[in-house]
Amino acid sequence: MKRFIAIAGNMGVGKSTLTALLSEKLAWEPFYEAVDDNPYLADFYKDMQKWAFHSQVFFLSRRLRHHHQLLNRPDSVIQDRTVYEDAEIFAENLYRQGHMGERDYRSYRELYEVLTMFLPPPDLVVYLQASVPTLEHRIAIRGRDFEQDVPTDYLEQLNRLYEEWAHSFTLCPMLTVPSDSLDFVKNNSHLELIAAKIMEKLHGKETVVFD
């Protein structure tokens, strides 16, 4: 049976790494996030209030296209980041910080909500949950220059939004993985555990607990 799962979580939590490891273990096709082709990004970073709406609409349309493509793939797939995070986390954060005005935000939300009404969800969302110290440690280890100066309060705000979203998300089952205590990169037994819990959830087990 074809499966479509998506990995969600804050920056630095290990979405791309888990996508790669699971795709190899389960022999499922990986599909990675691509953000460097947004034609509004340079303008956005110069003037967030002016270009936030344009940038987020581009990200949303691109993510929706990718989501639709994945639904049509013949074999099982794993997606690095979900279409839902664009709206529920990043656009919401821009709005709360005052970088996106009320009118633009309401128009964006209306577009997002209408589109997701017609878009079949994944079979499962895997939410990688981690504290800010864990995120900062992993960001430092992977050494991307543009991430090294990300403020702690920004990561904290995104974490709060992720928790709000995870508690209210109902479009498909969600498996929350406590990433502070699970090192699926260095410890293969942790990867085995996550893969086993994913399969349990996909087979309809209501309560999946990480021991």
C-alpha atoms as a PDB file:
ATOM      1  CA  MET A   1       0.000   0.000   0.000  1.00  0.00           C
ATOM      2  CA  LYS A   2       1.283   3.435  -0.906  1.00  0.00           C
ATOM      3  CA  ARG A   3       1.992   5.719   2.069  1.00  0.00           C
ATOM      4  CA  PHE A   4       2.578   9.458   2.236  1.00  0.00           C
ATOM      5  CA  ILE A   5       4.108  10.816   5.422  1.00  0.00           C
ATOM      6  CA  ALA A   6       5.477  14.291   6.124  1.00  0.00           C
ATOM      7  CA  ILE A   7       8.095  15.369   8.665  1.00  0.00           C
ATOM      8  CA  ALA A   8       7.396  18.614  10.538  1.00  0.00           C
ATOM      9  CA  GLY A   9       9.342  20.633  13.090  1.00  0.00           C
ATOM     10  CA  ASN A  10      11.370  23.713  13.891  1.00  0.00           C
ATOM     11  CA  MET A  11      14.594  24.639  12.128  1.00  0.00           C
ATOM     12  CA  GLY A  12      17.535  22.529  13.248  1.00  0.00           C
ATOM     13  CA  VAL A  13      15.396  19.722  14.630  1.00  0.00           C
ATOM     14  CA  GLY A  14      16.543  17.193  12.018  1.00  0.00           C
ATOM     15  CA  LYS A  15      13.712  16.973   9.471  1.00  0.00           C
ATOM     16  CA  SER A  16      15.937  16.482   6.422  1.00  0.00           C
ATOM     17  CA  THR A  17      18.148  13.992   8.249  1.00  0.00           C
ATOM     18  CA  LEU A  18      15.211  11.915   9.444  1.00  0.00           C
ATOM     19  CA  THR A  19      13.678  12.055   5.965  1.00  0.00           C
ATOM     20  CA  ALA A  20      16.886  10.637   4.501  1.00  0.00           C
ATOM     21  CA  LEU A  21      17.308   7.944   7.148  1.00  0.00           C
ATOM     22  CA  LEU A  22      13.699   6.789   7.000  1.00  0.00           C
ATOM     23  CA  SER A  23      13.635   6.771   3.215  1.00  0.00           C
ATOM     24  CA  GLU A  24      16.649   4.483   3.211  1.00  0.00           C
ATOM     25  CA  LYS A  25      15.290   2.246   5.943  1.00  0.00           C
ATOM     26  CA  LEU A  26      11.753   1.953   4.558  1.00  0.00           C
ATOM     27  CA  ALA A  27      12.719   2.123   0.858  1.00  0.00           C
ATOM     28  CA  TRP A  28      10.391   5.105   0.379  1.00  0.00           C
ATOM     29  CA  GLU A  29      11.078   8.050  -1.911  1.00  0.00           C
ATOM     30  CA  PRO A  30      12.324  11.202  -0.109  1.00  0.00           C
ATOM     31  CA  PHE A  31      11.200  14.667  -1.104  1.00  0.00           C
ATOM     32  CA  TYR A  32      13.187  17.581   0.303  1.00  0.00           C
ATOM     33  CA  GLU A  33      12.292  21.195   0.992  1.00  0.00           C
ATOM     34  CA  ALA A  34      13.595  23.724  -1.540  1.00  0.00           C
ATOM     35  CA  VAL A  35      13.515  27.391  -0.540  1.00  0.00           C
ATOM     36  CA  ASP A  36      16.258  29.005  -2.606  1.00  0.00           C
ATOM     37  CA  ASP A  37      14.084  29.533  -5.689  1.00  0.00           C
ATOM     38  CA  ASN A  38      11.702  32.060  -4.101  1.00  0.00           C
ATOM     39  CA  PRO A  39      12.046  35.227  -6.253  1.00  0.00           C
ATOM     40  CA  TYR A  40      10.814  37.408  -3.382  1.00  0.00           C
ATOM     41  CA  LEU A  41      13.316  36.345  -0.722  1.00  0.00           C
ATOM     42  CA  ALA A  42      15.920  39.058  -1.349  1.00  0.00           C
ATOM     43  CA  ASP A  43      13.250  41.774  -1.298  1.00  0.00           C
ATOM     44  CA  PHE A  44      11.604  40.202   1.742  1.00  0.00           C
ATOM     45  CA  TYR A  45      14.760  40.385   3.834  1.00  0.00           C
ATOM     46  CA  LYS A  46      15.204  44.042   2.866  1.00  0.00           C
ATOM     47  CA  ASP A  47      11.600  45.052   3.631  1.00  0.00           C
ATOM     48  CA  MET A  48       9.570  42.374   5.417  1.00  0.00           C
ATOM     49  CA  GLN A  49       6.378  44.395   5.756  1.00  0.00           C
ATOM     50  CA  LYS A  50       6.241  45.128   2.045  1.00  0.00           C
ATOM     51  CA  TRP A  51       7.112  41.669   0.755  1.00  0.00           C
ATOM     52  CA  ALA A  52       5.949  39.212   3.444  1.00  0.00           C
ATOM     53  CA  PHE A  53       2.621  38.519   1.744  1.00  0.00           C
ATOM     54  CA  HIS A  54       4.186  37.979  -1.692  1.00  0.00           C
ATOM     55  CA  SER A  55       6.884  35.695  -0.295  1.00  0.00           C
ATOM     56  CA  GLN A  56       4.457  33.584   1.712  1.00  0.00           C
ATOM     57  CA  VAL A  57       2.039  33.206  -1.188  1.00  0.00           C
ATOM     58  CA  PHE A  58       4.913  31.945  -3.334  1.00  0.00           C
ATOM     59  CA  PHE A  59       5.964  29.439  -0.666  1.00  0.00           C
ATOM     60  CA  LEU A  60       2.357  28.298  -0.253  1.00  0.00           C
ATOM     61  CA  SER A  61       1.762  27.810  -3.978  1.00  0.00           C
ATOM     62  CA  ARG A  62       5.037  25.932  -4.395  1.00  0.00           C
ATOM     63  CA  ARG A  63       4.348  23.704  -1.384  1.00  0.00           C
ATOM     64  CA  LEU A  64       0.825  22.964  -2.608  1.00  0.00           C
ATOM     65  CA  ARG A  65       2.180  21.988  -6.019  1.00  0.00           C
ATOM     66  CA  HIS A  66       4.728  19.665  -4.404  1.00  0.00           C
ATOM     67  CA  HIS A  67       2.058  18.187  -2.142  1.00  0.00           C
ATOM     68  CA  HIS A  68      -0.134  17.433  -5.150  1.00  0.00           C
ATOM     69  CA  GLN A  69       2.795  15.863  -6.980  1.00  0.00           C
ATOM     70  CA  LEU A  70       3.501  13.607  -4.016  1.00  0.00           C
ATOM     71  CA  LEU A  71      -0.102  12.466  -3.897  1.00  0.00           C
ATOM     72  CA  ASN A  72       0.297  11.298  -7.496  1.00  0.00           C
ATOM     73  CA  ARG A  73       3.559   9.424  -6.983  1.00  0.00           C
ATOM     74  CA  PRO A  74       3.086   5.661  -7.519  1.00  0.00           C
ATOM     75  CA  ASP A  75       5.147   4.608  -4.498  1.00  0.00           C
ATOM     76  CA  SER A  76       5.411   5.616  -0.846  1.00  0.00           C
ATOM     77  CA  VAL A  77       6.995   9.012  -0.141  1.00  0.00           C
ATOM     78  CA  ILE A  78       8.402  10.985   2.782  1.00  0.00           C
ATOM     79  CA  GLN A  79       8.239  14.786   2.638  1.00  0.00           C
ATOM     80  CA  ASP A  80      10.625  17.128   4.419  1.00  0.00           C
ATOM     81  CA  ARG A  81       8.293  19.813   5.898  1.00  0.00           C
ATOM     82  CA  THR A  82       4.545  20.079   5.349  1.00  0.00           C
ATOM     83  CA  VAL A  83       2.339  22.527   3.476  1.00  0.00           C
ATOM     84  CA  TYR A  84       0.646  23.347   6.788  1.00  0.00           C
ATOM     85  CA  GLU A  85       3.741  24.820   8.429  1.00  0.00           C
ATOM     86  CA  ASP A  86       3.972  27.642   5.891  1.00  0.00           C
ATOM     87  CA  ALA A  87       0.669  29.047   7.111  1.00  0.00           C
ATOM     88  CA  GLU A  88       0.353  27.816  10.688  1.00  0.00           C
ATOM     89  CA  ILE A  89       3.913  28.628  11.752  1.00  0.00           C
ATOM     90  CA  PHE A  90       5.761  31.024   9.479  1.00  0.00           C
ATOM     91  CA  ALA A  91       2.976  33.242   8.109  1.00  0.00           C
ATOM     92  CA  GLU A  92       1.395  33.284  11.568  1.00  0.00           C
ATOM     93  CA  ASN A  93       4.710  34.360  13.072  1.00  0.00           C
ATOM     94  CA  LEU A  94       5.116  37.167  10.521  1.00  0.00           C
ATOM     95  CA  TYR A  95       1.616  38.373  11.361  1.00  0.00           C
ATOM     96  CA  ARG A  96       2.184  38.273  15.133  1.00  0.00           C
ATOM     97  CA  GLN A  97       5.454  40.158  14.762  1.00  0.00           C
ATOM     98  CA  GLY A  98       3.791  42.870  12.691  1.00  0.00           C
ATOM     99  CA  HIS A  99       5.599  42.040   9.454  1.00  0.00           C
ATOM    100  CA  MET A 100       2.353  41.090   7.699  1.00  0.00           C
ATOM    101  CA  GLY A 101      -0.633  43.413   7.947  1.00  0.00           C
ATOM    102  CA  GLU A 102      -4.127  42.368   8.968  1.00  0.00           C
ATOM    103  CA  ARG A 103      -5.604  42.632   5.451  1.00  0.00           C
ATOM    104  CA  ASP A 104      -2.829  40.646   3.797  1.00  0.00           C
ATOM    105  CA  TYR A 105      -2.861  38.024   6.538  1.00  0.00           C
ATOM    106  CA  ARG A 106      -6.620  37.487   6.331  1.00  0.00           C
ATOM    107  CA  SER A 107      -6.410  37.139   2.534  1.00  0.00           C
ATOM    108  CA  TYR A 108      -3.544  34.684   2.886  1.00  0.00           C
ATOM    109  CA  ARG A 109      -5.403  32.610   5.500  1.00  0.00           C
ATOM    110  CA  GLU A 110      -8.529  32.513   3.349  1.00  0.00           C
ATOM    111  CA  LEU A 111      -6.516  31.225   0.396  1.00  0.00           C
ATOM    112  CA  TYR A 112      -4.757  28.631   2.549  1.00  0.00           C
ATOM    113  CA  GLU A 113      -7.915  27.381   4.229  1.00  0.00           C
ATOM    114  CA  VAL A 114      -9.867  27.050   0.977  1.00  0.00           C
ATOM    115  CA  LEU A 115      -7.044  25.200  -0.769  1.00  0.00           C
ATOM    116  CA  THR A 116      -6.448  22.782   2.094  1.00  0.00           C
ATOM    117  CA  MET A 117     -10.167  21.947   2.129  1.00  0.00           C
ATOM    118  CA  PHE A 118      -9.680  20.292  -1.255  1.00  0.00           C
ATOM    119  CA  LEU A 119      -6.164  18.925  -0.765  1.00  0.00           C
ATOM    120  CA  PRO A 120      -6.006  15.360   0.589  1.00  0.00           C
ATOM    121  CA  PRO A 121      -3.751  15.283   3.674  1.00  0.00           C
ATOM    122  CA  PRO A 122      -0.810  12.923   4.195  1.00  0.00           C
ATOM    123  CA  ASP A 123      -1.407   9.583   5.861  1.00  0.00           C
ATOM    124  CA  LEU A 124       0.662  10.802   8.806  1.00  0.00           C
ATOM    125  CA  VAL A 125       2.515  13.888  10.018  1.00  0.00           C
ATOM    126  CA  VAL A 126       5.595  13.167  12.147  1.00  0.00           C
ATOM    127  CA  TYR A 127       6.220  16.155  14.420  1.00  0.00           C
ATOM    128  CA  LEU A 128       9.801  16.374  15.692  1.00  0.00           C
ATOM    129  CA  GLN A 129       9.543  18.164  19.024  1.00  0.00           C
ATOM    130  CA  ALA A 130      12.673  19.664  20.620  1.00  0.00           C
ATOM    131  CA  SER A 131      13.612  22.280  23.180  1.00  0.00           C
ATOM    132  CA  VAL A 132      15.441  25.445  22.145  1.00  0.00           C
ATOM    133  CA  PRO A 133      18.801  24.320  23.655  1.00  0.00           C
ATOM    134  CA  THR A 134      18.605  21.158  21.542  1.00  0.00           C
ATOM    135  CA  LEU A 135      17.785  23.178  18.425  1.00  0.00           C
ATOM    136  CA  GLU A 136      20.652  25.597  19.050  1.00  0.00           C
ATOM    137  CA  HIS A 137      23.078  22.718  19.602  1.00  0.00           C
ATOM    138  CA  ARG A 138      22.077  21.016  16.358  1.00  0.00           C
ATOM    139  CA  ILE A 139      22.148  24.275  14.399  1.00  0.00           C
ATOM    140  CA  ALA A 140      25.694  24.896  15.651  1.00  0.00           C
ATOM    141  CA  ILE A 141      26.768  21.374  14.687  1.00  0.00           C
ATOM    142  CA  ARG A 142      25.499  21.547  11.116  1.00  0.00           C
ATOM    143  CA  GLY A 143      27.303  24.864  10.659  1.00  0.00           C
ATOM    144  CA  ARG A 144      25.191  26.762   8.162  1.00  0.00           C
ATOM    145  CA  ASP A 145      26.480  30.336   8.268  1.00  0.00           C
ATOM    146  CA  PHE A 146      23.105  32.013   7.785  1.00  0.00           C
ATOM    147  CA  GLU A 147      21.643  30.113  10.772  1.00  0.00           C
ATOM    148  CA  GLN A 148      24.335  30.841  13.343  1.00  0.00           C
ATOM    149  CA  ASP A 149      22.893  34.195  14.421  1.00  0.00           C
ATOM    150  CA  VAL A 150      19.259  33.096  14.729  1.00  0.00           C
ATOM    151  CA  PRO A 151      18.009  34.688  17.983  1.00  0.00           C
ATOM    152  CA  THR A 152      16.933  32.407  20.818  1.00  0.00           C
ATOM    153  CA  ASP A 153      13.634  34.240  21.166  1.00  0.00           C
ATOM    154  CA  TYR A 154      12.854  33.563  17.493  1.00  0.00           C
ATOM    155  CA  LEU A 155      13.293  29.816  18.028  1.00  0.00           C
ATOM    156  CA  GLU A 156      11.196  30.054  21.182  1.00  0.00           C
ATOM    157  CA  GLN A 157       8.388  31.812  19.311  1.00  0.00           C
ATOM    158  CA  LEU A 158       8.423  29.201  16.546  1.00  0.00           C
ATOM    159  CA  ASN A 159       8.360  26.434  19.156  1.00  0.00           C
ATOM    160  CA  ARG A 160       5.277  27.983  20.763  1.00  0.00           C
ATOM    161  CA  LEU A 161       3.559  28.128  17.385  1.00  0.00           C
ATOM    162  CA  TYR A 162       4.489  24.522  16.647  1.00  0.00           C
ATOM    163  CA  GLU A 163       3.000  23.414  19.956  1.00  0.00           C
ATOM    164  CA  GLU A 164      -0.217  25.361  19.296  1.00  0.00           C
ATOM    165  CA  TRP A 165      -0.479  23.832  15.838  1.00  0.00           C
ATOM    166  CA  ALA A 166       0.269  20.290  17.021  1.00  0.00           C
ATOM    167  CA  HIS A 167      -2.450  20.484  19.676  1.00  0.00           C
ATOM    168  CA  SER A 168      -5.088  21.712  17.217  1.00  0.00           C
ATOM    169  CA  PHE A 169      -4.170  19.726  14.080  1.00  0.00           C
ATOM    170  CA  THR A 170      -6.935  17.303  13.010  1.00  0.00           C
ATOM    171  CA  LEU A 171      -6.541  16.819   9.247  1.00  0.00           C
ATOM    172  CA  CYS A 172      -4.667  13.533   9.650  1.00  0.00           C
ATOM    173  CA  PRO A 173      -2.968  11.514  12.411  1.00  0.00           C
ATOM    174  CA  MET A 174       0.112  13.087  13.983  1.00  0.00           C
ATOM    175  CA  LEU A 175       2.968  11.306  15.715  1.00  0.00           C
ATOM    176  CA  THR A 176       4.972  13.486  18.117  1.00  0.00           C
ATOM    177  CA  VAL A 177       8.611  12.407  18.453  1.00  0.00           C
ATOM    178  CA  PRO A 178      10.469  13.705  21.571  1.00  0.00           C
ATOM    179  CA  SER A 179      13.712  14.656  19.836  1.00  0.00           C
ATOM    180  CA  ASP A 180      15.513  15.869  22.969  1.00  0.00           C
ATOM    181  CA  SER A 181      15.821  12.287  24.172  1.00  0.00           C
ATOM    182  CA  LEU A 182      16.138  10.524  20.808  1.00  0.00           C
ATOM    183  CA  ASP A 183      19.308  10.809  18.736  1.00  0.00           C
ATOM    184  CA  PHE A 184      18.298   9.037  15.536  1.00  0.00           C
ATOM    185  CA  VAL A 185      21.570  10.049  13.843  1.00  0.00           C
ATOM    186  CA  LYS A 186      24.043   8.459  16.254  1.00  0.00           C
ATOM    187  CA  ASN A 187      21.824   5.773  17.774  1.00  0.00           C
ATOM    188  CA  ASN A 188      20.359   3.294  15.314  1.00  0.00           C
ATOM    189  CA  SER A 189      18.056   1.847  17.956  1.00  0.00           C
ATOM    190  CA  HIS A 190      16.381   5.258  18.229  1.00  0.00           C
ATOM    191  CA  LEU A 191      15.829   5.303  14.462  1.00  0.00           C
ATOM    192  CA  GLU A 192      14.416   1.773  14.679  1.00  0.00           C
ATOM    193  CA  LEU A 193      12.074   2.912  17.445  1.00  0.00           C
ATOM    194  CA  ILE A 194      10.802   5.898  15.427  1.00  0.00           C
ATOM    195  CA  ALA A 195      10.250   3.737  12.348  1.00  0.00           C
ATOM    196  CA  ALA A 196       8.345   1.187  14.429  1.00  0.00           C
ATOM    197  CA  LYS A 197       6.133   3.867  15.987  1.00  0.00           C
ATOM    198  CA  ILE A 198       5.413   5.320  12.537  1.00  0.00           C
ATOM    199  CA  MET A 199       4.244   1.934  11.300  1.00  0.00           C
ATOM    200  CA  GLU A 200       2.115   1.469  14.420  1.00  0.00           C
ATOM    201  CA  LYS A 201       0.454   4.813  13.823  1.00  0.00           C
ATOM    202  CA  LEU A 202      -0.079   4.084  10.130  1.00  0.00           C
ATOM    203  CA  HIS A 203      -1.784   0.841  11.083  1.00  0.00           C
ATOM    204  CA  GLY A 204      -4.255   2.681  13.269  1.00  0.00           C
ATOM    205  CA  LYS A 205      -2.861   2.307  16.772  1.00  0.00           C
ATOM    206  CA  GLU A 206      -4.478   5.139  18.671  1.00  0.00           C
ATOM    207  CA  THR A 207      -1.940   5.563  21.467  1.00  0.00           C
ATOM    208  CA  VAL A 208       1.721   5.490  20.520  1.00  0.00           C
ATOM    209  CA  VAL A 209       4.073   6.103  23.439  1.00  0.00           C
ATOM    210  CA  PHE A 210       7.854   6.446  23.268  1.00  0.00           C
ATOM    211  CA  ASP A 211       9.247   4.459  26.189  1.00  0.00           C
END
